[in-house]
Amino acid sequence: MGLTKGRPFVSLSGLLDLKGFYENHKETIPKQLIIAPDLPSKKIDQAGANDSYYKWIIENLLASINDDSLEKASIFSKVTKKSGPRLLCNSMNELVPTYEHQKLAELLRQEQIPVETCLLNGSRHGEAYIDDIWPNLLNFLKRYI
């Protein structure tokens, strides 16, 4: 909704470029990451890039893997002048490659859409760094909601 309806939106380690990632990792063998079911997501540290797991996620998100489904699942083509302001957060060495957030930020800036970014050291993913970005997140929401 943020991209197509102009609503402000926040991405914490969001998977953005499924098509690009998949095309650049054709030889990567998908592998599920087993995490203890009672481990809170805030405690999960992906320990850096994990291309096999990212590919496994893509293959389990989509009903079929083809150019059309990958394109529809990737959000870069959905950026327009009507997109909403965005806060993009990511760790420098985690599951989601930083280029995805940098590319989305650039596409939004080209359309003159407000975009804020926060890149953190380390390999924490999503909720694992929420305490560090909480003030930025609240300020972003106060500005745009």
N, C-alpha and C. Protein backbone atom coordinates (compact mmCIF):
# COMPACT_ATOMS: atom_id res chain seq x y z
N MET A 1 0.82 -1.20 0.00
CA MET A 1 0.00 0.00 0.00
C MET A 1 0.86 1.26 0.00
N GLY A 2 2.01 1.17 0.63
CA GLY A 2 2.87 2.34 0.66
C GLY A 2 3.36 2.75 -0.72
N LEU A 3 3.65 1.78 -1.53
CA LEU A 3 4.14 2.10 -2.87
C LEU A 3 3.01 2.48 -3.82
N THR A 4 1.87 1.83 -3.71
CA THR A 4 0.80 2.06 -4.68
C THR A 4 -0.27 3.03 -4.23
N LYS A 5 -0.43 3.23 -2.92
CA LYS A 5 -1.49 4.10 -2.42
C LYS A 5 -0.98 5.34 -1.71
N GLY A 6 0.36 5.52 -1.68
CA GLY A 6 0.91 6.74 -1.11
C GLY A 6 0.98 6.78 0.40
N ARG A 7 0.79 5.67 1.05
CA ARG A 7 0.87 5.62 2.51
C ARG A 7 2.33 5.55 2.96
N PRO A 8 2.66 6.19 4.09
CA PRO A 8 4.01 6.04 4.64
C PRO A 8 4.24 4.57 5.02
N PHE A 9 5.47 4.12 4.86
CA PHE A 9 5.74 2.74 5.22
C PHE A 9 7.17 2.57 5.71
N VAL A 10 7.36 1.54 6.52
CA VAL A 10 8.64 1.23 7.15
C VAL A 10 9.06 -0.17 6.72
N SER A 11 10.33 -0.33 6.42
CA SER A 11 10.86 -1.64 6.06
C SER A 11 12.04 -1.94 6.97
N LEU A 12 11.91 -2.98 7.78
CA LEU A 12 13.01 -3.46 8.61
C LEU A 12 13.53 -4.74 7.97
N SER A 13 14.64 -4.64 7.28
CA SER A 13 15.24 -5.79 6.60
C SER A 13 14.27 -6.45 5.63
N GLY A 14 13.51 -5.65 4.93
CA GLY A 14 12.53 -6.19 4.00
C GLY A 14 13.17 -6.86 2.79
N LEU A 15 12.54 -7.92 2.31
CA LEU A 15 12.98 -8.58 1.09
C LEU A 15 12.37 -7.81 -0.08
N LEU A 16 13.21 -7.18 -0.89
CA LEU A 16 12.71 -6.25 -1.89
C LEU A 16 12.91 -6.70 -3.33
N ASP A 17 14.03 -7.31 -3.63
CA ASP A 17 14.40 -7.61 -5.00
C ASP A 17 14.44 -9.12 -5.23
N LEU A 18 13.32 -9.78 -5.10
CA LEU A 18 13.30 -11.22 -5.25
C LEU A 18 13.76 -11.65 -6.63
N LYS A 19 13.34 -10.92 -7.66
CA LYS A 19 13.73 -11.28 -9.02
C LYS A 19 15.24 -11.13 -9.22
N GLY A 20 15.77 -9.99 -8.84
CA GLY A 20 17.20 -9.75 -9.01
C GLY A 20 18.04 -10.73 -8.21
N PHE A 21 17.64 -10.98 -6.98
CA PHE A 21 18.39 -11.92 -6.16
C PHE A 21 18.36 -13.31 -6.80
N TYR A 22 17.17 -13.74 -7.19
CA TYR A 22 17.03 -15.08 -7.76
C TYR A 22 17.85 -15.22 -9.05
N GLU A 23 17.79 -14.23 -9.91
CA GLU A 23 18.54 -14.28 -11.17
C GLU A 23 20.05 -14.31 -10.93
N ASN A 24 20.52 -13.65 -9.88
CA ASN A 24 21.95 -13.60 -9.59
C ASN A 24 22.44 -14.78 -8.76
N HIS A 25 21.53 -15.67 -8.38
CA HIS A 25 21.90 -16.82 -7.55
C HIS A 25 21.33 -18.12 -8.12
N LYS A 26 21.38 -18.25 -9.42
CA LYS A 26 20.81 -19.44 -10.08
C LYS A 26 21.48 -20.73 -9.61
N GLU A 27 22.75 -20.67 -9.31
CA GLU A 27 23.48 -21.88 -8.90
C GLU A 27 23.38 -22.15 -7.40
N THR A 28 22.83 -21.22 -6.65
CA THR A 28 22.71 -21.39 -5.21
C THR A 28 21.66 -22.45 -4.89
N ILE A 29 21.99 -23.35 -4.03
CA ILE A 29 21.05 -24.41 -3.62
C ILE A 29 20.25 -23.90 -2.43
N PRO A 30 18.91 -23.85 -2.54
CA PRO A 30 18.09 -23.36 -1.43
C PRO A 30 18.22 -24.27 -0.21
N LYS A 31 18.22 -23.64 0.96
CA LYS A 31 18.32 -24.42 2.20
C LYS A 31 17.53 -23.72 3.30
N GLN A 32 16.66 -24.48 3.94
CA GLN A 32 15.87 -23.94 5.04
C GLN A 32 16.76 -23.72 6.25
N LEU A 33 16.51 -22.62 6.94
CA LEU A 33 17.22 -22.33 8.19
C LEU A 33 16.32 -22.77 9.33
N ILE A 34 16.77 -23.71 10.12
CA ILE A 34 15.98 -24.22 11.24
C ILE A 34 16.28 -23.38 12.46
N ILE A 35 15.26 -22.78 12.99
CA ILE A 35 15.38 -21.94 14.19
C ILE A 35 14.47 -22.53 15.25
N ALA A 36 14.95 -22.53 16.48
CA ALA A 36 14.15 -23.08 17.57
C ALA A 36 12.79 -22.38 17.61
N PRO A 37 11.69 -23.15 17.67
CA PRO A 37 10.35 -22.55 17.62
C PRO A 37 10.06 -21.63 18.81
N ASP A 38 10.77 -21.80 19.92
CA ASP A 38 10.51 -20.96 21.09
C ASP A 38 11.46 -19.77 21.18
N LEU A 39 12.31 -19.56 20.18
CA LEU A 39 13.24 -18.44 20.17
C LEU A 39 12.54 -17.19 19.67
N PRO A 40 12.48 -16.12 20.49
CA PRO A 40 11.84 -14.89 20.03
C PRO A 40 12.59 -14.31 18.83
N SER A 41 11.84 -13.76 17.88
CA SER A 41 12.48 -13.24 16.67
C SER A 41 13.49 -12.16 16.99
N LYS A 42 13.28 -11.44 18.08
CA LYS A 42 14.21 -10.38 18.46
C LYS A 42 15.60 -10.94 18.79
N LYS A 43 15.69 -12.21 19.13
CA LYS A 43 16.96 -12.83 19.49
C LYS A 43 17.66 -13.49 18.30
N ILE A 44 17.00 -13.53 17.16
CA ILE A 44 17.59 -14.20 16.00
C ILE A 44 18.64 -13.28 15.37
N ASP A 45 19.82 -13.81 15.20
CA ASP A 45 20.89 -13.13 14.49
C ASP A 45 21.24 -14.01 13.31
N GLN A 46 21.04 -13.51 12.12
CA GLN A 46 21.25 -14.32 10.93
C GLN A 46 22.72 -14.64 10.70
N ALA A 47 23.61 -14.02 11.45
CA ALA A 47 25.06 -14.25 11.34
C ALA A 47 25.57 -13.91 9.94
N GLY A 48 25.02 -12.89 9.35
CA GLY A 48 25.50 -12.43 8.05
C GLY A 48 24.68 -12.95 6.89
N ALA A 49 25.20 -12.72 5.71
CA ALA A 49 24.51 -13.12 4.49
C ALA A 49 24.30 -14.62 4.47
N ASN A 50 23.17 -15.03 3.93
CA ASN A 50 22.85 -16.45 3.83
C ASN A 50 22.05 -16.64 2.54
N ASP A 51 22.78 -16.70 1.43
CA ASP A 51 22.13 -16.77 0.13
C ASP A 51 21.25 -18.00 -0.05
N SER A 52 21.67 -19.13 0.53
CA SER A 52 20.87 -20.36 0.41
C SER A 52 19.52 -20.20 1.09
N TYR A 53 19.52 -19.55 2.25
CA TYR A 53 18.26 -19.35 2.98
C TYR A 53 17.37 -18.33 2.26
N TYR A 54 17.97 -17.25 1.77
CA TYR A 54 17.19 -16.24 1.04
C TYR A 54 16.52 -16.90 -0.16
N LYS A 55 17.25 -17.75 -0.88
CA LYS A 55 16.66 -18.43 -2.04
C LYS A 55 15.54 -19.36 -1.59
N TRP A 56 15.72 -20.04 -0.46
CA TRP A 56 14.67 -20.91 0.08
C TRP A 56 13.42 -20.09 0.41
N ILE A 57 13.61 -18.91 0.99
CA ILE A 57 12.46 -18.04 1.31
C ILE A 57 11.70 -17.71 0.04
N ILE A 58 12.40 -17.28 -0.99
CA ILE A 58 11.75 -16.91 -2.26
C ILE A 58 10.95 -18.08 -2.81
N GLU A 59 11.56 -19.25 -2.83
CA GLU A 59 10.88 -20.41 -3.40
C GLU A 59 9.66 -20.83 -2.57
N ASN A 60 9.63 -20.46 -1.31
CA ASN A 60 8.49 -20.81 -0.47
C ASN A 60 7.45 -19.70 -0.39
N LEU A 61 7.80 -18.51 -0.81
CA LEU A 61 6.84 -17.40 -0.86
C LEU A 61 5.98 -17.46 -2.12
N LEU A 62 6.57 -17.93 -3.19
CA LEU A 62 5.89 -17.89 -4.49
C LEU A 62 5.35 -19.26 -4.87
N ALA A 63 4.18 -19.26 -5.46
CA ALA A 63 3.57 -20.53 -5.89
C ALA A 63 4.36 -21.17 -7.03
N SER A 64 4.95 -20.34 -7.88
CA SER A 64 5.81 -20.85 -8.95
C SER A 64 6.93 -19.85 -9.17
N ILE A 65 8.04 -20.35 -9.66
CA ILE A 65 9.20 -19.50 -9.93
C ILE A 65 9.31 -19.31 -11.43
N ASN A 66 8.98 -18.11 -11.87
CA ASN A 66 9.15 -17.74 -13.28
C ASN A 66 9.34 -16.23 -13.32
N ASP A 67 9.70 -15.69 -14.49
CA ASP A 67 9.97 -14.25 -14.59
C ASP A 67 8.80 -13.41 -14.13
N ASP A 68 7.59 -13.81 -14.48
CA ASP A 68 6.41 -13.03 -14.14
C ASP A 68 6.17 -13.00 -12.62
N SER A 69 6.23 -14.16 -11.97
CA SER A 69 5.98 -14.19 -10.52
C SER A 69 7.10 -13.48 -9.76
N LEU A 70 8.34 -13.61 -10.22
CA LEU A 70 9.45 -12.91 -9.57
C LEU A 70 9.33 -11.40 -9.74
N GLU A 71 8.92 -10.97 -10.94
CA GLU A 71 8.74 -9.54 -11.19
C GLU A 71 7.64 -8.96 -10.31
N LYS A 72 6.52 -9.66 -10.22
CA LYS A 72 5.40 -9.19 -9.39
C LYS A 72 5.77 -9.13 -7.91
N ALA A 73 6.65 -10.02 -7.46
CA ALA A 73 7.04 -10.07 -6.05
C ALA A 73 8.12 -9.05 -5.70
N SER A 74 8.81 -8.53 -6.70
CA SER A 74 9.84 -7.52 -6.49
C SER A 74 9.20 -6.15 -6.56
N ILE A 75 9.62 -5.25 -5.69
CA ILE A 75 8.87 -3.99 -5.59
C ILE A 75 9.46 -2.82 -6.37
N PHE A 76 10.64 -2.97 -6.95
CA PHE A 76 11.25 -1.83 -7.63
C PHE A 76 10.38 -1.26 -8.73
N SER A 77 9.69 -2.10 -9.47
CA SER A 77 8.86 -1.62 -10.58
C SER A 77 7.57 -0.95 -10.10
N LYS A 78 7.29 -1.02 -8.82
CA LYS A 78 6.06 -0.44 -8.28
C LYS A 78 6.24 0.99 -7.77
N VAL A 79 7.47 1.50 -7.80
CA VAL A 79 7.74 2.87 -7.36
C VAL A 79 7.20 3.84 -8.40
N THR A 80 6.37 4.79 -7.93
CA THR A 80 5.83 5.84 -8.80
C THR A 80 5.83 7.15 -8.03
N LYS A 81 5.41 8.20 -8.69
CA LYS A 81 5.28 9.50 -8.02
C LYS A 81 4.22 9.45 -6.92
N LYS A 82 3.35 8.44 -6.94
CA LYS A 82 2.30 8.29 -5.94
C LYS A 82 2.74 7.47 -4.72
N SER A 83 3.98 6.96 -4.74
CA SER A 83 4.46 6.16 -3.61
C SER A 83 4.57 7.02 -2.36
N GLY A 84 4.41 6.37 -1.21
CA GLY A 84 4.48 7.08 0.06
C GLY A 84 5.89 7.17 0.60
N PRO A 85 6.10 8.06 1.58
CA PRO A 85 7.40 8.18 2.22
C PRO A 85 7.83 6.85 2.83
N ARG A 86 9.14 6.64 2.89
CA ARG A 86 9.64 5.33 3.32
C ARG A 86 10.80 5.47 4.28
N LEU A 87 10.78 4.63 5.31
CA LEU A 87 11.93 4.46 6.20
C LEU A 87 12.48 3.07 5.93
N LEU A 88 13.74 3.00 5.52
CA LEU A 88 14.40 1.73 5.18
C LEU A 88 15.52 1.46 6.16
N CYS A 89 15.44 0.33 6.85
CA CYS A 89 16.49 -0.04 7.80
C CYS A 89 17.03 -1.42 7.47
N ASN A 90 18.32 -1.59 7.66
CA ASN A 90 18.98 -2.85 7.33
C ASN A 90 20.33 -2.88 8.04
N SER A 91 20.80 -4.06 8.36
CA SER A 91 22.16 -4.21 8.85
C SER A 91 23.08 -4.37 7.66
N MET A 92 24.34 -4.01 7.86
CA MET A 92 25.31 -4.03 6.76
C MET A 92 25.64 -5.44 6.27
N ASN A 93 25.57 -6.43 7.16
CA ASN A 93 25.98 -7.78 6.78
C ASN A 93 24.96 -8.78 7.29
N GLU A 94 23.81 -8.78 6.66
CA GLU A 94 22.74 -9.68 7.09
C GLU A 94 22.13 -10.40 5.91
N LEU A 95 21.08 -11.12 6.19
CA LEU A 95 20.37 -11.90 5.19
C LEU A 95 19.99 -11.07 3.96
N VAL A 96 19.43 -9.90 4.17
CA VAL A 96 18.99 -9.05 3.07
C VAL A 96 20.16 -8.16 2.64
N PRO A 97 20.59 -8.26 1.38
CA PRO A 97 21.71 -7.44 0.92
C PRO A 97 21.38 -5.95 0.96
N THR A 98 22.34 -5.15 1.39
CA THR A 98 22.09 -3.71 1.51
C THR A 98 21.80 -3.05 0.17
N TYR A 99 22.28 -3.64 -0.93
CA TYR A 99 22.02 -3.01 -2.23
C TYR A 99 20.52 -2.88 -2.48
N GLU A 100 19.71 -3.79 -1.94
CA GLU A 100 18.28 -3.74 -2.19
C GLU A 100 17.68 -2.46 -1.61
N HIS A 101 18.06 -2.11 -0.41
CA HIS A 101 17.54 -0.90 0.21
C HIS A 101 18.12 0.35 -0.43
N GLN A 102 19.38 0.30 -0.82
CA GLN A 102 19.99 1.44 -1.48
C GLN A 102 19.33 1.70 -2.83
N LYS A 103 19.03 0.63 -3.57
CA LYS A 103 18.38 0.78 -4.87
C LYS A 103 16.97 1.34 -4.70
N LEU A 104 16.21 0.83 -3.72
CA LEU A 104 14.86 1.35 -3.50
C LEU A 104 14.91 2.81 -3.09
N ALA A 105 15.84 3.17 -2.22
CA ALA A 105 15.97 4.57 -1.80
C ALA A 105 16.24 5.46 -3.01
N GLU A 106 17.13 5.03 -3.89
CA GLU A 106 17.44 5.82 -5.08
C GLU A 106 16.22 5.96 -5.99
N LEU A 107 15.47 4.89 -6.20
CA LEU A 107 14.27 4.95 -7.03
C LEU A 107 13.24 5.92 -6.45
N LEU A 108 13.07 5.89 -5.13
CA LEU A 108 12.14 6.81 -4.48
C LEU A 108 12.61 8.26 -4.62
N ARG A 109 13.91 8.49 -4.43
CA ARG A 109 14.45 9.85 -4.58
C ARG A 109 14.26 10.36 -6.00
N GLN A 110 14.42 9.50 -6.99
CA GLN A 110 14.21 9.91 -8.38
C GLN A 110 12.78 10.40 -8.61
N GLU A 111 11.85 9.85 -7.86
CA GLU A 111 10.44 10.26 -7.97
C GLU A 111 10.11 11.38 -6.97
N GLN A 112 11.13 11.87 -6.27
CA GLN A 112 11.00 12.92 -5.26
C GLN A 112 10.09 12.51 -4.10
N ILE A 113 10.18 11.24 -3.75
CA ILE A 113 9.46 10.70 -2.60
C ILE A 113 10.41 10.75 -1.40
N PRO A 114 9.97 11.28 -0.26
CA PRO A 114 10.83 11.30 0.92
C PRO A 114 11.22 9.88 1.33
N VAL A 115 12.49 9.69 1.58
CA VAL A 115 12.98 8.38 2.02
C VAL A 115 14.09 8.61 3.05
N GLU A 116 14.02 7.86 4.11
CA GLU A 116 15.04 7.89 5.15
C GLU A 116 15.62 6.49 5.27
N THR A 117 16.91 6.43 5.53
CA THR A 117 17.57 5.14 5.66
C THR A 117 18.35 5.05 6.96
N CYS A 118 18.49 3.84 7.45
CA CYS A 118 19.39 3.59 8.57
C CYS A 118 20.07 2.25 8.32
N LEU A 119 21.37 2.31 8.19
CA LEU A 119 22.19 1.11 8.01
C LEU A 119 22.98 0.89 9.29
N LEU A 120 22.84 -0.29 9.84
CA LEU A 120 23.48 -0.60 11.11
C LEU A 120 24.66 -1.54 10.91
N ASN A 121 25.65 -1.42 11.75
CA ASN A 121 26.77 -2.36 11.73
C ASN A 121 26.26 -3.74 12.14
N GLY A 122 26.95 -4.76 11.69
CA GLY A 122 26.65 -6.11 12.15
C GLY A 122 25.73 -6.86 11.23
N SER A 123 25.14 -7.91 11.80
CA SER A 123 24.33 -8.84 11.00
C SER A 123 22.94 -9.06 11.57
N ARG A 124 22.50 -8.20 12.47
CA ARG A 124 21.15 -8.38 13.03
C ARG A 124 20.10 -8.16 11.95
N HIS A 125 18.97 -8.84 12.10
CA HIS A 125 17.91 -8.80 11.10
C HIS A 125 16.61 -8.33 11.74
N GLY A 126 15.97 -7.34 11.13
CA GLY A 126 14.64 -6.89 11.53
C GLY A 126 14.48 -6.54 12.99
N GLU A 127 13.64 -7.28 13.66
CA GLU A 127 13.30 -6.98 15.05
C GLU A 127 14.50 -7.01 15.99
N ALA A 128 15.58 -7.67 15.59
CA ALA A 128 16.76 -7.76 16.45
C ALA A 128 17.40 -6.40 16.69
N TYR A 129 17.18 -5.42 15.80
CA TYR A 129 17.76 -4.09 16.01
C TYR A 129 16.72 -3.01 16.31
N ILE A 130 15.51 -3.42 16.63
CA ILE A 130 14.42 -2.46 16.83
C ILE A 130 14.74 -1.42 17.91
N ASP A 131 15.39 -1.84 18.99
CA ASP A 131 15.72 -0.89 20.06
C ASP A 131 16.64 0.22 19.55
N ASP A 132 17.56 -0.11 18.65
CA ASP A 132 18.50 0.88 18.14
C ASP A 132 17.84 1.89 17.21
N ILE A 133 16.81 1.50 16.51
CA ILE A 133 16.19 2.41 15.54
C ILE A 133 14.88 3.01 16.03
N TRP A 134 14.42 2.59 17.21
CA TRP A 134 13.11 3.01 17.72
C TRP A 134 12.90 4.52 17.66
N PRO A 135 13.84 5.35 18.13
CA PRO A 135 13.62 6.81 18.04
C PRO A 135 13.44 7.28 16.60
N ASN A 136 14.24 6.75 15.67
CA ASN A 136 14.09 7.13 14.25
C ASN A 136 12.73 6.71 13.72
N LEU A 137 12.30 5.51 14.08
CA LEU A 137 11.02 4.99 13.61
C LEU A 137 9.87 5.86 14.11
N LEU A 138 9.89 6.20 15.39
CA LEU A 138 8.83 7.05 15.95
C LEU A 138 8.81 8.43 15.31
N ASN A 139 9.99 9.02 15.11
CA ASN A 139 10.05 10.34 14.47
C ASN A 139 9.53 10.28 13.04
N PHE A 140 9.87 9.24 12.33
CA PHE A 140 9.37 9.07 10.97
C PHE A 140 7.84 9.01 10.96
N LEU A 141 7.28 8.17 11.82
CA LEU A 141 5.82 8.03 11.87
C LEU A 141 5.14 9.32 12.29
N LYS A 142 5.72 10.06 13.23
CA LYS A 142 5.14 11.35 13.63
C LYS A 142 5.12 12.34 12.49
N ARG A 143 6.17 12.31 11.66
CA ARG A 143 6.24 13.24 10.52
C ARG A 143 5.21 12.93 9.45
N TYR A 144 4.90 11.66 9.24
CA TYR A 144 4.11 11.29 8.06
C TYR A 144 2.73 10.71 8.34
N ILE A 145 2.40 10.50 9.59
CA ILE A 145 1.05 9.99 9.88
C ILE A 145 0.23 11.04 10.58
